[in-house]
Amino acid sequence: NVDEDLEKLSGKIPVLKALEDRVDTYNSLEGDFKHISRELDDLSDYSDFEAAKVGGQTIKAIYKANEIPDVLVGGRQGKDQILRRIQHYGKKKLQRVIEDSEIMLDSSEQEDPTPQLGQDQ
């Protein structure tokens, strides 16, 4: 049996025993490592930055549109129409960003197929 042979060898060669112990320790802690890794990924998730950028661009566009003289856009009514279009465009763009980030979240929640150390694939 391979396991028995390795055990006999590790008794004679301390480095093999230490290595085997390390692999066992790693395998027993792997779940904790994955949990910590997910927590770190959540902390460093920048997916909402794109949504904030879109919101900022929309606000900036609204301010710029308000600076346009009413005379150039057909009075206050024309300016209000421009503002509504800017808001509608910003809202649609923001919805796409949110949908894209949800798709990325769904794909990142899949199980990691990486085998544990010391185990056959």
PDB file of N, CA and C in Angstrom:
ATOM      1  N   ASN A   1       0.846  -1.175   0.000  1.00  0.00           N
ATOM      2  CA  ASN A   1       0.000   0.000   0.000  1.00  0.00           C
ATOM      3  C   ASN A   1       0.897   1.246   0.000  1.00  0.00           C
ATOM      4  N   VAL A   2       0.579   2.183  -0.840  1.00  0.00           N
ATOM      5  CA  VAL A   2       1.384   3.399  -0.984  1.00  0.00           C
ATOM      6  C   VAL A   2       1.356   4.230   0.295  1.00  0.00           C
ATOM      7  N   ASP A   3       0.193   4.358   0.908  1.00  0.00           N
ATOM      8  CA  ASP A   3       0.090   5.155   2.136  1.00  0.00           C
ATOM      9  C   ASP A   3       0.969   4.584   3.247  1.00  0.00           C
ATOM     10  N   GLU A   4       0.956   3.267   3.378  1.00  0.00           N
ATOM     11  CA  GLU A   4       1.785   2.634   4.415  1.00  0.00           C
ATOM     12  C   GLU A   4       3.270   2.844   4.128  1.00  0.00           C
ATOM     13  N   ASP A   5       3.659   2.706   2.863  1.00  0.00           N
ATOM     14  CA  ASP A   5       5.058   2.930   2.487  1.00  0.00           C
ATOM     15  C   ASP A   5       5.480   4.368   2.776  1.00  0.00           C
ATOM     16  N   LEU A   6       4.603   5.310   2.459  1.00  0.00           N
ATOM     17  CA  LEU A   6       4.915   6.716   2.740  1.00  0.00           C
ATOM     18  C   LEU A   6       5.027   6.963   4.237  1.00  0.00           C
ATOM     19  N   GLU A   7       4.159   6.323   5.009  1.00  0.00           N
ATOM     20  CA  GLU A   7       4.220   6.474   6.463  1.00  0.00           C
ATOM     21  C   GLU A   7       5.537   5.942   7.021  1.00  0.00           C
ATOM     22  N   LYS A   8       5.970   4.786   6.519  1.00  0.00           N
ATOM     23  CA  LYS A   8       7.248   4.220   6.964  1.00  0.00           C
ATOM     24  C   LYS A   8       8.406   5.149   6.598  1.00  0.00           C
ATOM     25  N   LEU A   9       8.364   5.661   5.369  1.00  0.00           N
ATOM     26  CA  LEU A   9       9.418   6.578   4.926  1.00  0.00           C
ATOM     27  C   LEU A   9       9.424   7.868   5.740  1.00  0.00           C
ATOM     28  N   SER A  10       8.237   8.381   6.021  1.00  0.00           N
ATOM     29  CA  SER A  10       8.170   9.643   6.761  1.00  0.00           C
ATOM     30  C   SER A  10       8.672   9.475   8.188  1.00  0.00           C
ATOM     31  N   GLY A  11       8.571   8.262   8.723  1.00  0.00           N
ATOM     32  CA  GLY A  11       9.147   8.001  10.045  1.00  0.00           C
ATOM     33  C   GLY A  11      10.664   8.069  10.009  1.00  0.00           C
ATOM     34  N   LYS A  12      11.242   7.673   8.881  1.00  0.00           N
ATOM     35  CA  LYS A  12      12.694   7.694   8.738  1.00  0.00           C
ATOM     36  C   LYS A  12      13.211   9.050   8.243  1.00  0.00           C
ATOM     37  N   ILE A  13      12.381   9.768   7.473  1.00  0.00           N
ATOM     38  CA  ILE A  13      12.795  11.063   6.912  1.00  0.00           C
ATOM     39  C   ILE A  13      11.864  12.142   7.472  1.00  0.00           C
ATOM     40  N   PRO A  14      12.326  12.902   8.461  1.00  0.00           N
ATOM     41  CA  PRO A  14      11.484  13.900   9.127  1.00  0.00           C
ATOM     42  C   PRO A  14      10.885  14.946   8.183  1.00  0.00           C
ATOM     43  N   VAL A  15      11.595  15.287   7.130  1.00  0.00           N
ATOM     44  CA  VAL A  15      11.080  16.297   6.199  1.00  0.00           C
ATOM     45  C   VAL A  15       9.793  15.823   5.532  1.00  0.00           C
ATOM     46  N   LEU A  16       9.726  14.540   5.179  1.00  0.00           N
ATOM     47  CA  LEU A  16       8.506  14.009   4.571  1.00  0.00           C
ATOM     48  C   LEU A  16       7.331  14.068   5.538  1.00  0.00           C
ATOM     49  N   LYS A  17       7.591  13.735   6.802  1.00  0.00           N
ATOM     50  CA  LYS A  17       6.533  13.799   7.818  1.00  0.00           C
ATOM     51  C   LYS A  17       6.054  15.238   7.992  1.00  0.00           C
ATOM     52  N   ALA A  18       7.005  16.174   8.056  1.00  0.00           N
ATOM     53  CA  ALA A  18       6.638  17.582   8.208  1.00  0.00           C
ATOM     54  C   ALA A  18       5.831  18.063   7.002  1.00  0.00           C
ATOM     55  N   LEU A  19       6.237  17.652   5.813  1.00  0.00           N
ATOM     56  CA  LEU A  19       5.516  18.030   4.603  1.00  0.00           C
ATOM     57  C   LEU A  19       4.106  17.444   4.601  1.00  0.00           C
ATOM     58  N   GLU A  20       3.992  16.195   4.993  1.00  0.00           N
ATOM     59  CA  GLU A  20       2.679  15.550   5.065  1.00  0.00           C
ATOM     60  C   GLU A  20       1.783  16.269   6.074  1.00  0.00           C
ATOM     61  N   ASP A  21       2.368  16.642   7.221  1.00  0.00           N
ATOM     62  CA  ASP A  21       1.599  17.381   8.227  1.00  0.00           C
ATOM     63  C   ASP A  21       1.129  18.726   7.683  1.00  0.00           C
ATOM     64  N   ARG A  22       2.008  19.395   6.935  1.00  0.00           N
ATOM     65  CA  ARG A  22       1.639  20.693   6.349  1.00  0.00           C
ATOM     66  C   ARG A  22       0.490  20.542   5.358  1.00  0.00           C
ATOM     67  N   VAL A  23       0.560  19.530   4.528  1.00  0.00           N
ATOM     68  CA  VAL A  23      -0.497  19.293   3.547  1.00  0.00           C
ATOM     69  C   VAL A  23      -1.809  18.994   4.265  1.00  0.00           C
ATOM     70  N   ASP A  24      -1.762  18.164   5.303  1.00  0.00           N
ATOM     71  CA  ASP A  24      -2.971  17.862   6.081  1.00  0.00           C
ATOM     72  C   ASP A  24      -3.533  19.126   6.724  1.00  0.00           C
ATOM     73  N   THR A  25      -2.652  19.951   7.270  1.00  0.00           N
ATOM     74  CA  THR A  25      -3.083  21.208   7.894  1.00  0.00           C
ATOM     75  C   THR A  25      -3.737  22.112   6.857  1.00  0.00           C
ATOM     76  N   TYR A  26      -3.097  22.240   5.701  1.00  0.00           N
ATOM     77  CA  TYR A  26      -3.665  23.068   4.637  1.00  0.00           C
ATOM     78  C   TYR A  26      -5.049  22.558   4.235  1.00  0.00           C
ATOM     79  N   ASN A  27      -5.167  21.257   4.020  1.00  0.00           N
ATOM     80  CA  ASN A  27      -6.454  20.692   3.610  1.00  0.00           C
ATOM     81  C   ASN A  27      -7.529  20.919   4.665  1.00  0.00           C
ATOM     82  N   SER A  28      -7.160  20.848   5.940  1.00  0.00           N
ATOM     83  CA  SER A  28      -8.154  21.064   6.996  1.00  0.00           C
ATOM     84  C   SER A  28      -8.553  22.539   7.095  1.00  0.00           C
ATOM     85  N   LEU A  29      -7.665  23.445   6.683  1.00  0.00           N
ATOM     86  CA  LEU A  29      -7.955  24.879   6.763  1.00  0.00           C
ATOM     87  C   LEU A  29      -8.479  25.463   5.454  1.00  0.00           C
ATOM     88  N   GLU A  30      -8.552  24.660   4.415  1.00  0.00           N
ATOM     89  CA  GLU A  30      -8.917  25.182   3.101  1.00  0.00           C
ATOM     90  C   GLU A  30     -10.273  25.883   3.107  1.00  0.00           C
ATOM     91  N   GLY A  31     -11.254  25.329   3.813  1.00  0.00           N
ATOM     92  CA  GLY A  31     -12.566  25.970   3.903  1.00  0.00           C
ATOM     93  C   GLY A  31     -12.475  27.352   4.517  1.00  0.00           C
ATOM     94  N   ASP A  32     -11.670  27.470   5.584  1.00  0.00           N
ATOM     95  CA  ASP A  32     -11.471  28.777   6.209  1.00  0.00           C
ATOM     96  C   ASP A  32     -10.784  29.742   5.252  1.00  0.00           C
ATOM     97  N   PHE A  33      -9.795  29.235   4.507  1.00  0.00           N
ATOM     98  CA  PHE A  33      -9.093  30.086   3.545  1.00  0.00           C
ATOM     99  C   PHE A  33     -10.056  30.608   2.482  1.00  0.00           C
ATOM    100  N   LYS A  34     -10.920  29.732   1.996  1.00  0.00           N
ATOM    101  CA  LYS A  34     -11.884  30.152   0.975  1.00  0.00           C
ATOM    102  C   LYS A  34     -12.843  31.194   1.532  1.00  0.00           C
ATOM    103  N   HIS A  35     -13.287  30.993   2.783  1.00  0.00           N
ATOM    104  CA  HIS A  35     -14.197  31.949   3.411  1.00  0.00           C
ATOM    105  C   HIS A  35     -13.522  33.313   3.556  1.00  0.00           C
ATOM    106  N   ILE A  36     -12.294  33.318   4.038  1.00  0.00           N
ATOM    107  CA  ILE A  36     -11.555  34.574   4.196  1.00  0.00           C
ATOM    108  C   ILE A  36     -11.329  35.221   2.834  1.00  0.00           C
ATOM    109  N   SER A  37     -11.020  34.419   1.838  1.00  0.00           N
ATOM    110  CA  SER A  37     -10.806  34.940   0.488  1.00  0.00           C
ATOM    111  C   SER A  37     -12.071  35.608  -0.043  1.00  0.00           C
ATOM    112  N   ARG A  38     -13.229  34.987   0.200  1.00  0.00           N
ATOM    113  CA  ARG A  38     -14.498  35.589  -0.240  1.00  0.00           C
ATOM    114  C   ARG A  38     -14.758  36.899   0.491  1.00  0.00           C
ATOM    115  N   GLU A  39     -14.470  36.933   1.799  1.00  0.00           N
ATOM    116  CA  GLU A  39     -14.657  38.171   2.554  1.00  0.00           C
ATOM    117  C   GLU A  39     -13.763  39.279   2.013  1.00  0.00           C
ATOM    118  N   LEU A  40     -12.522  38.943   1.701  1.00  0.00           N
ATOM    119  CA  LEU A  40     -11.614  39.939   1.125  1.00  0.00           C
ATOM    120  C   LEU A  40     -12.104  40.401  -0.243  1.00  0.00           C
ATOM    121  N   ASP A  41     -12.625  39.474  -1.038  1.00  0.00           N
ATOM    122  CA  ASP A  41     -13.171  39.854  -2.340  1.00  0.00           C
ATOM    123  C   ASP A  41     -14.352  40.803  -2.175  1.00  0.00           C
ATOM    124  N   ASP A  42     -15.206  40.537  -1.170  1.00  0.00           N
ATOM    125  CA  ASP A  42     -16.341  41.420  -0.918  1.00  0.00           C
ATOM    126  C   ASP A  42     -15.876  42.810  -0.504  1.00  0.00           C
ATOM    127  N   LEU A  43     -14.828  42.861   0.331  1.00  0.00           N
ATOM    128  CA  LEU A  43     -14.309  44.154   0.772  1.00  0.00           C
ATOM    129  C   LEU A  43     -13.690  44.939  -0.374  1.00  0.00           C
ATOM    130  N   SER A  44     -13.098  44.234  -1.308  1.00  0.00           N
ATOM    131  CA  SER A  44     -12.416  44.908  -2.412  1.00  0.00           C
ATOM    132  C   SER A  44     -13.250  44.904  -3.687  1.00  0.00           C
ATOM    133  N   ASP A  45     -14.557  44.786  -3.553  1.00  0.00           N
ATOM    134  CA  ASP A  45     -15.445  44.776  -4.708  1.00  0.00           C
ATOM    135  C   ASP A  45     -15.668  46.211  -5.183  1.00  0.00           C
ATOM    136  N   TYR A  46     -15.212  46.500  -6.374  1.00  0.00           N
ATOM    137  CA  TYR A  46     -15.334  47.850  -6.913  1.00  0.00           C
ATOM    138  C   TYR A  46     -16.421  47.938  -7.975  1.00  0.00           C
ATOM    139  N   SER A  47     -17.314  46.978  -8.022  1.00  0.00           N
ATOM    140  CA  SER A  47     -18.333  46.963  -9.069  1.00  0.00           C
ATOM    141  C   SER A  47     -19.269  48.166  -8.975  1.00  0.00           C
ATOM    142  N   ASP A  48     -19.449  48.726  -7.780  1.00  0.00           N
ATOM    143  CA  ASP A  48     -20.333  49.882  -7.663  1.00  0.00           C
ATOM    144  C   ASP A  48     -19.656  51.174  -8.115  1.00  0.00           C
ATOM    145  N   PHE A  49     -18.347  51.154  -8.350  1.00  0.00           N
ATOM    146  CA  PHE A  49     -17.657  52.344  -8.836  1.00  0.00           C
ATOM    147  C   PHE A  49     -18.174  52.750 -10.210  1.00  0.00           C
ATOM    148  N   GLU A  50     -18.456  51.768 -11.055  1.00  0.00           N
ATOM    149  CA  GLU A  50     -18.970  52.073 -12.394  1.00  0.00           C
ATOM    150  C   GLU A  50     -20.336  52.749 -12.284  1.00  0.00           C
ATOM    151  N   ALA A  51     -21.173  52.267 -11.368  1.00  0.00           N
ATOM    152  CA  ALA A  51     -22.487  52.882 -11.171  1.00  0.00           C
ATOM    153  C   ALA A  51     -22.335  54.315 -10.658  1.00  0.00           C
ATOM    154  N   ALA A  52     -21.398  54.539  -9.747  1.00  0.00           N
ATOM    155  CA  ALA A  52     -21.155  55.887  -9.230  1.00  0.00           C
ATOM    156  C   ALA A  52     -20.658  56.805 -10.342  1.00  0.00           C
ATOM    157  N   LYS A  53     -19.832  56.276 -11.214  1.00  0.00           N
ATOM    158  CA  LYS A  53     -19.307  57.056 -12.343  1.00  0.00           C
ATOM    159  C   LYS A  53     -20.451  57.485 -13.265  1.00  0.00           C
ATOM    160  N   VAL A  54     -21.352  56.557 -13.566  1.00  0.00           N
ATOM    161  CA  VAL A  54     -22.499  56.868 -14.423  1.00  0.00           C
ATOM    162  C   VAL A  54     -23.365  57.937 -13.765  1.00  0.00           C
ATOM    163  N   GLY A  55     -23.599  57.791 -12.465  1.00  0.00           N
ATOM    164  CA  GLY A  55     -24.384  58.799 -11.747  1.00  0.00           C
ATOM    165  C   GLY A  55     -23.724  60.167 -11.797  1.00  0.00           C
ATOM    166  N   GLY A  56     -22.423  60.209 -11.595  1.00  0.00           N
ATOM    167  CA  GLY A  56     -21.686  61.472 -11.655  1.00  0.00           C
ATOM    168  C   GLY A  56     -21.742  62.099 -13.037  1.00  0.00           C
ATOM    169  N   GLN A  57     -21.618  61.278 -14.078  1.00  0.00           N
ATOM    170  CA  GLN A  57     -21.697  61.790 -15.446  1.00  0.00           C
ATOM    171  C   GLN A  57     -23.082  62.368 -15.735  1.00  0.00           C
ATOM    172  N   THR A  58     -24.117  61.713 -15.224  1.00  0.00           N
ATOM    173  CA  THR A  58     -25.480  62.196 -15.430  1.00  0.00           C
ATOM    174  C   THR A  58     -25.687  63.532 -14.734  1.00  0.00           C
ATOM    175  N   ILE A  59     -25.224  63.635 -13.501  1.00  0.00           N
ATOM    176  CA  ILE A  59     -25.354  64.895 -12.757  1.00  0.00           C
ATOM    177  C   ILE A  59     -24.600  66.012 -13.472  1.00  0.00           C
ATOM    178  N   LYS A  60     -23.388  65.712 -13.929  1.00  0.00           N
ATOM    179  CA  LYS A  60     -22.593  66.715 -14.648  1.00  0.00           C
ATOM    180  C   LYS A  60     -23.316  67.170 -15.920  1.00  0.00           C
ATOM    181  N   ALA A  61     -23.913  66.230 -16.645  1.00  0.00           N
ATOM    182  CA  ALA A  61     -24.642  66.569 -17.871  1.00  0.00           C
ATOM    183  C   ALA A  61     -25.845  67.455 -17.562  1.00  0.00           C
ATOM    184  N   ILE A  62     -26.513  67.186 -16.441  1.00  0.00           N
ATOM    185  CA  ILE A  62     -27.666  68.011 -16.052  1.00  0.00           C
ATOM    186  C   ILE A  62     -27.216  69.435 -15.733  1.00  0.00           C
ATOM    187  N   TYR A  63     -26.119  69.578 -14.989  1.00  0.00           N
ATOM    188  CA  TYR A  63     -25.601  70.918 -14.689  1.00  0.00           C
ATOM    189  C   TYR A  63     -25.227  71.661 -15.966  1.00  0.00           C
ATOM    190  N   LYS A  64     -24.564  70.978 -16.885  1.00  0.00           N
ATOM    191  CA  LYS A  64     -24.178  71.625 -18.147  1.00  0.00           C
ATOM    192  C   LYS A  64     -25.412  72.039 -18.947  1.00  0.00           C
ATOM    193  N   ALA A  65     -26.436  71.179 -18.959  1.00  0.00           N
ATOM    194  CA  ALA A  65     -27.661  71.506 -19.690  1.00  0.00           C
ATOM    195  C   ALA A  65     -28.354  72.712 -19.073  1.00  0.00           C
ATOM    196  N   ASN A  66     -28.287  72.849 -17.756  1.00  0.00           N
ATOM    197  CA  ASN A  66     -28.906  73.999 -17.095  1.00  0.00           C
ATOM    198  C   ASN A  66     -28.199  75.301 -17.429  1.00  0.00           C
ATOM    199  N   GLU A  67     -26.920  75.213 -17.830  1.00  0.00           N
ATOM    200  CA  GLU A  67     -26.166  76.413 -18.177  1.00  0.00           C
ATOM    201  C   GLU A  67     -26.491  76.919 -19.583  1.00  0.00           C
ATOM    202  N   ILE A  68     -27.141  76.091 -20.393  1.00  0.00           N
ATOM    203  CA  ILE A  68     -27.503  76.501 -21.754  1.00  0.00           C
ATOM    204  C   ILE A  68     -28.599  77.559 -21.662  1.00  0.00           C
ATOM    205  N   PRO A  69     -28.419  78.678 -22.349  1.00  0.00           N
ATOM    206  CA  PRO A  69     -29.480  79.702 -22.335  1.00  0.00           C
ATOM    207  C   PRO A  69     -30.786  79.148 -22.917  1.00  0.00           C
ATOM    208  N   ASP A  70     -31.891  79.480 -22.269  1.00  0.00           N
ATOM    209  CA  ASP A  70     -33.206  78.990 -22.704  1.00  0.00           C
ATOM    210  C   ASP A  70     -33.485  79.319 -24.171  1.00  0.00           C
ATOM    211  N   VAL A  71     -33.001  80.443 -24.614  1.00  0.00           N
ATOM    212  CA  VAL A  71     -33.260  80.898 -25.980  1.00  0.00           C
ATOM    213  C   VAL A  71     -32.722  79.896 -27.008  1.00  0.00           C
ATOM    214  N   LEU A  72     -31.600  79.258 -26.697  1.00  0.00           N
ATOM    215  CA  LEU A  72     -30.976  78.335 -27.643  1.00  0.00           C
ATOM    216  C   LEU A  72     -31.701  76.996 -27.764  1.00  0.00           C
ATOM    217  N   VAL A  73     -32.522  76.648 -26.796  1.00  0.00           N
ATOM    218  CA  VAL A  73     -33.188  75.336 -26.808  1.00  0.00           C
ATOM    219  C   VAL A  73     -34.707  75.445 -26.847  1.00  0.00           C
ATOM    220  N   GLY A  74     -35.217  76.583 -27.253  1.00  0.00           N
ATOM    221  CA  GLY A  74     -36.664  76.729 -27.386  1.00  0.00           C
ATOM    222  C   GLY A  74     -37.362  77.040 -26.075  1.00  0.00           C
ATOM    223  N   GLY A  75     -36.709  77.783 -25.208  1.00  0.00           N
ATOM    224  CA  GLY A  75     -37.313  78.191 -23.948  1.00  0.00           C
ATOM    225  C   GLY A  75     -37.153  77.145 -22.853  1.00  0.00           C
ATOM    226  N   ARG A  76     -37.848  77.406 -21.760  1.00  0.00           N
ATOM    227  CA  ARG A  76     -37.746  76.518 -20.592  1.00  0.00           C
ATOM    228  C   ARG A  76     -38.270  75.119 -20.909  1.00  0.00           C
ATOM    229  N   GLN A  77     -39.280  75.076 -21.755  1.00  0.00           N
ATOM    230  CA  GLN A  77     -39.861  73.781 -22.134  1.00  0.00           C
ATOM    231  C   GLN A  77     -38.830  72.913 -22.866  1.00  0.00           C
ATOM    232  N   GLY A  78     -38.069  73.509 -23.750  1.00  0.00           N
ATOM    233  CA  GLY A  78     -37.028  72.778 -24.473  1.00  0.00           C
ATOM    234  C   GLY A  78     -35.940  72.287 -23.530  1.00  0.00           C
ATOM    235  N   LYS A  79     -35.588  73.141 -22.561  1.00  0.00           N
ATOM    236  CA  LYS A  79     -34.558  72.744 -21.597  1.00  0.00           C
ATOM    237  C   LYS A  79     -35.047  71.590 -20.727  1.00  0.00           C
ATOM    238  N   ASP A  80     -36.309  71.658 -20.314  1.00  0.00           N
ATOM    239  CA  ASP A  80     -36.872  70.565 -19.503  1.00  0.00           C
ATOM    240  C   ASP A  80     -36.864  69.241 -20.274  1.00  0.00           C
ATOM    241  N   GLN A  81     -37.129  69.322 -21.574  1.00  0.00           N
ATOM    242  CA  GLN A  81     -37.111  68.119 -22.407  1.00  0.00           C
ATOM    243  C   GLN A  81     -35.692  67.544 -22.475  1.00  0.00           C
ATOM    244  N   ILE A  82     -34.701  68.402 -22.625  1.00  0.00           N
ATOM    245  CA  ILE A  82     -33.306  67.951 -22.650  1.00  0.00           C
ATOM    246  C   ILE A  82     -32.947  67.288 -21.322  1.00  0.00           C
ATOM    247  N   LEU A  83     -33.355  67.905 -20.216  1.00  0.00           N
ATOM    248  CA  LEU A  83     -33.046  67.354 -18.892  1.00  0.00           C
ATOM    249  C   LEU A  83     -33.688  65.982 -18.703  1.00  0.00           C
ATOM    250  N   ARG A  84     -34.936  65.831 -19.165  1.00  0.00           N
ATOM    251  CA  ARG A  84     -35.605  64.527 -19.056  1.00  0.00           C
ATOM    252  C   ARG A  84     -34.864  63.465 -19.871  1.00  0.00           C
ATOM    253  N   ARG A  85     -34.392  63.846 -21.059  1.00  0.00           N
ATOM    254  CA  ARG A  85     -33.646  62.894 -21.896  1.00  0.00           C
ATOM    255  C   ARG A  85     -32.339  62.486 -21.219  1.00  0.00           C
ATOM    256  N   ILE A  86     -31.656  63.457 -20.625  1.00  0.00           N
ATOM    257  CA  ILE A  86     -30.404  63.150 -19.917  1.00  0.00           C
ATOM    258  C   ILE A  86     -30.674  62.189 -18.767  1.00  0.00           C
ATOM    259  N   GLN A  87     -31.724  62.472 -17.988  1.00  0.00           N
ATOM    260  CA  GLN A  87     -32.063  61.610 -16.854  1.00  0.00           C
ATOM    261  C   GLN A  87     -32.444  60.210 -17.329  1.00  0.00           C
ATOM    262  N   HIS A  88     -33.220  60.132 -18.404  1.00  0.00           N
ATOM    263  CA  HIS A  88     -33.632  58.830 -18.941  1.00  0.00           C
ATOM    264  C   HIS A  88     -32.410  58.046 -19.415  1.00  0.00           C
ATOM    265  N   TYR A  89     -31.529  58.713 -20.155  1.00  0.00           N
ATOM    266  CA  TYR A  89     -30.315  58.056 -20.644  1.00  0.00           C
ATOM    267  C   TYR A  89     -29.452  57.581 -19.473  1.00  0.00           C
ATOM    268  N   GLY A  90     -29.276  58.427 -18.454  1.00  0.00           N
ATOM    269  CA  GLY A  90     -28.488  58.049 -17.274  1.00  0.00           C
ATOM    270  C   GLY A  90     -29.095  56.858 -16.552  1.00  0.00           C
ATOM    271  N   LYS A  91     -30.419  56.853 -16.449  1.00  0.00           N
ATOM    272  CA  LYS A  91     -31.102  55.748 -15.772  1.00  0.00           C
ATOM    273  C   LYS A  91     -30.904  54.436 -16.534  1.00  0.00           C
ATOM    274  N   LYS A  92     -31.054  54.470 -17.856  1.00  0.00           N
ATOM    275  CA  LYS A  92     -30.875  53.258 -18.670  1.00  0.00           C
ATOM    276  C   LYS A  92     -29.435  52.752 -18.581  1.00  0.00           C
ATOM    277  N   LYS A  93     -28.485  53.684 -18.648  1.00  0.00           N
ATOM    278  CA  LYS A  93     -27.080  53.289 -18.573  1.00  0.00           C
ATOM    279  C   LYS A  93     -26.773  52.680 -17.204  1.00  0.00           C
ATOM    280  N   LEU A  94     -27.328  53.259 -16.156  1.00  0.00           N
ATOM    281  CA  LEU A  94     -27.128  52.738 -14.807  1.00  0.00           C
ATOM    282  C   LEU A  94     -27.733  51.338 -14.665  1.00  0.00           C
ATOM    283  N   GLN A  95     -28.897  51.117 -15.257  1.00  0.00           N
ATOM    284  CA  GLN A  95     -29.512  49.788 -15.215  1.00  0.00           C
ATOM    285  C   GLN A  95     -28.622  48.747 -15.890  1.00  0.00           C
ATOM    286  N   ARG A  96     -27.993  49.114 -17.019  1.00  0.00           N
ATOM    287  CA  ARG A  96     -27.091  48.180 -17.702  1.00  0.00           C
ATOM    288  C   ARG A  96     -25.881  47.857 -16.834  1.00  0.00           C
ATOM    289  N   VAL A  97     -25.346  48.880 -16.160  1.00  0.00           N
ATOM    290  CA  VAL A  97     -24.191  48.657 -15.281  1.00  0.00           C
ATOM    291  C   VAL A  97     -24.567  47.702 -14.155  1.00  0.00           C
ATOM    292  N   ILE A  98     -25.738  47.908 -13.560  1.00  0.00           N
ATOM    293  CA  ILE A  98     -26.192  47.048 -12.461  1.00  0.00           C
ATOM    294  C   ILE A  98     -26.412  45.622 -12.960  1.00  0.00           C
ATOM    295  N   GLU A  99     -27.034  45.464 -14.120  1.00  0.00           N
ATOM    296  CA  GLU A  99     -27.245  44.121 -14.679  1.00  0.00           C
ATOM    297  C   GLU A  99     -25.912  43.431 -14.948  1.00  0.00           C
ATOM    298  N   ASP A 100     -24.956  44.165 -15.501  1.00  0.00           N
ATOM    299  CA  ASP A 100     -23.634  43.585 -15.771  1.00  0.00           C
ATOM    300  C   ASP A 100     -22.956  43.146 -14.486  1.00  0.00           C
ATOM    301  N   SER A 101     -23.071  43.953 -13.434  1.00  0.00           N
ATOM    302  CA  SER A 101     -22.422  43.583 -12.173  1.00  0.00           C
ATOM    303  C   SER A 101     -23.112  42.380 -11.539  1.00  0.00           C
ATOM    304  N   GLU A 102     -24.426  42.240 -11.720  1.00  0.00           N
ATOM    305  CA  GLU A 102     -25.132  41.067 -11.198  1.00  0.00           C
ATOM    306  C   GLU A 102     -24.698  39.809 -11.936  1.00  0.00           C
ATOM    307  N   ILE A 103     -24.479  39.920 -13.238  1.00  0.00           N
ATOM    308  CA  ILE A 103     -24.010  38.771 -14.016  1.00  0.00           C
ATOM    309  C   ILE A 103     -22.634  38.355 -13.529  1.00  0.00           C
ATOM    310  N   MET A 104     -21.761  39.340 -13.272  1.00  0.00           N
ATOM    311  CA  MET A 104     -20.417  39.038 -12.782  1.00  0.00           C
ATOM    312  C   MET A 104     -20.482  38.402 -11.401  1.00  0.00           C
ATOM    313  N   LEU A 105     -21.405  38.871 -10.542  1.00  0.00           N
ATOM    314  CA  LEU A 105     -21.546  38.275  -9.212  1.00  0.00           C
ATOM    315  C   LEU A 105     -21.995  36.826  -9.320  1.00  0.00           C
ATOM    316  N   ASP A 106     -22.966  36.560 -10.199  1.00  0.00           N
ATOM    317  CA  ASP A 106     -23.453  35.191 -10.368  1.00  0.00           C
ATOM    318  C   ASP A 106     -22.334  34.260 -10.814  1.00  0.00           C
ATOM    319  N   SER A 107     -21.505  34.707 -11.731  1.00  0.00           N
ATOM    320  CA  SER A 107     -20.442  33.834 -12.234  1.00  0.00           C
ATOM    321  C   SER A 107     -19.336  33.647 -11.209  1.00  0.00           C
ATOM    322  N   SER A 108     -19.132  34.608 -10.303  1.00  0.00           N
ATOM    323  CA  SER A 108     -18.062  34.468  -9.306  1.00  0.00           C
ATOM    324  C   SER A 108     -18.481  33.600  -8.127  1.00  0.00           C
ATOM    325  N   GLU A 109     -19.766  33.292  -8.002  1.00  0.00           N
ATOM    326  CA  GLU A 109     -20.239  32.482  -6.882  1.00  0.00           C
ATOM    327  C   GLU A 109     -20.174  30.987  -7.177  1.00  0.00           C
ATOM    328  N   GLN A 110     -19.713  30.617  -8.365  1.00  0.00           N
ATOM    329  CA  GLN A 110     -19.602  29.200  -8.699  1.00  0.00           C
ATOM    330  C   GLN A 110     -18.496  28.569  -7.871  1.00  0.00           C
ATOM    331  N   GLU A 111     -18.631  27.271  -7.615  1.00  0.00           N
ATOM    332  CA  GLU A 111     -17.673  26.537  -6.774  1.00  0.00           C
ATOM    333  C   GLU A 111     -16.317  26.440  -7.449  1.00  0.00           C
ATOM    334  N   ASP A 112     -15.258  26.544  -6.671  1.00  0.00           N
ATOM    335  CA  ASP A 112     -13.886  26.443  -7.161  1.00  0.00           C
ATOM    336  C   ASP A 112     -13.548  24.978  -7.418  1.00  0.00           C
ATOM    337  N   PRO A 113     -13.223  24.606  -8.687  1.00  0.00           N
ATOM    338  CA  PRO A 113     -12.946  23.200  -8.997  1.00  0.00           C
ATOM    339  C   PRO A 113     -11.509  22.776  -8.695  1.00  0.00           C
ATOM    340  N   THR A 114     -10.706  23.627  -8.066  1.00  0.00           N
ATOM    341  CA  THR A 114      -9.308  23.314  -7.791  1.00  0.00           C
ATOM    342  C   THR A 114      -9.211  22.182  -6.780  1.00  0.00           C
ATOM    343  N   PRO A 115      -8.475  21.098  -7.090  1.00  0.00           N
ATOM    344  CA  PRO A 115      -8.352  19.991  -6.132  1.00  0.00           C
ATOM    345  C   PRO A 115      -7.478  20.379  -4.946  1.00  0.00           C
ATOM    346  N   GLN A 116      -7.693  19.706  -3.819  1.00  0.00           N
ATOM    347  CA  GLN A 116      -6.887  19.959  -2.631  1.00  0.00           C
ATOM    348  C   GLN A 116      -5.502  19.378  -2.833  1.00  0.00           C
ATOM    349  N   LEU A 117      -4.540  19.964  -2.140  1.00  0.00           N
ATOM    350  CA  LEU A 117      -3.173  19.442  -2.203  1.00  0.00           C
ATOM    351  C   LEU A 117      -3.123  18.017  -1.679  1.00  0.00           C
ATOM    352  N   GLY A 118      -2.333  17.189  -2.301  1.00  0.00           N
ATOM    353  CA  GLY A 118      -2.132  15.824  -1.821  1.00  0.00           C
ATOM    354  C   GLY A 118      -3.237  14.863  -2.201  1.00  0.00           C
ATOM    355  N   GLN A 119      -4.218  15.332  -2.981  1.00  0.00           N
ATOM    356  CA  GLN A 119      -5.302  14.440  -3.384  1.00  0.00           C
ATOM    357  C   GLN A 119      -5.229  14.206  -4.881  1.00  0.00           C
ATOM    358  N   ASP A 120      -5.634  13.023  -5.299  1.00  0.00           N
ATOM    359  CA  ASP A 120      -5.666  12.715  -6.725  1.00  0.00           C
ATOM    360  C   ASP A 120      -6.789  13.483  -7.378  1.00  0.00           C
ATOM    361  N   GLN A 121      -6.590  13.805  -8.638  1.00  0.00           N
ATOM    362  CA  GLN A 121      -7.618  14.554  -9.367  1.00  0.00           C
ATOM    363  C   GLN A 121      -8.654  13.633  -9.944  1.00  0.00           C
TER     364      GLN A 121
END
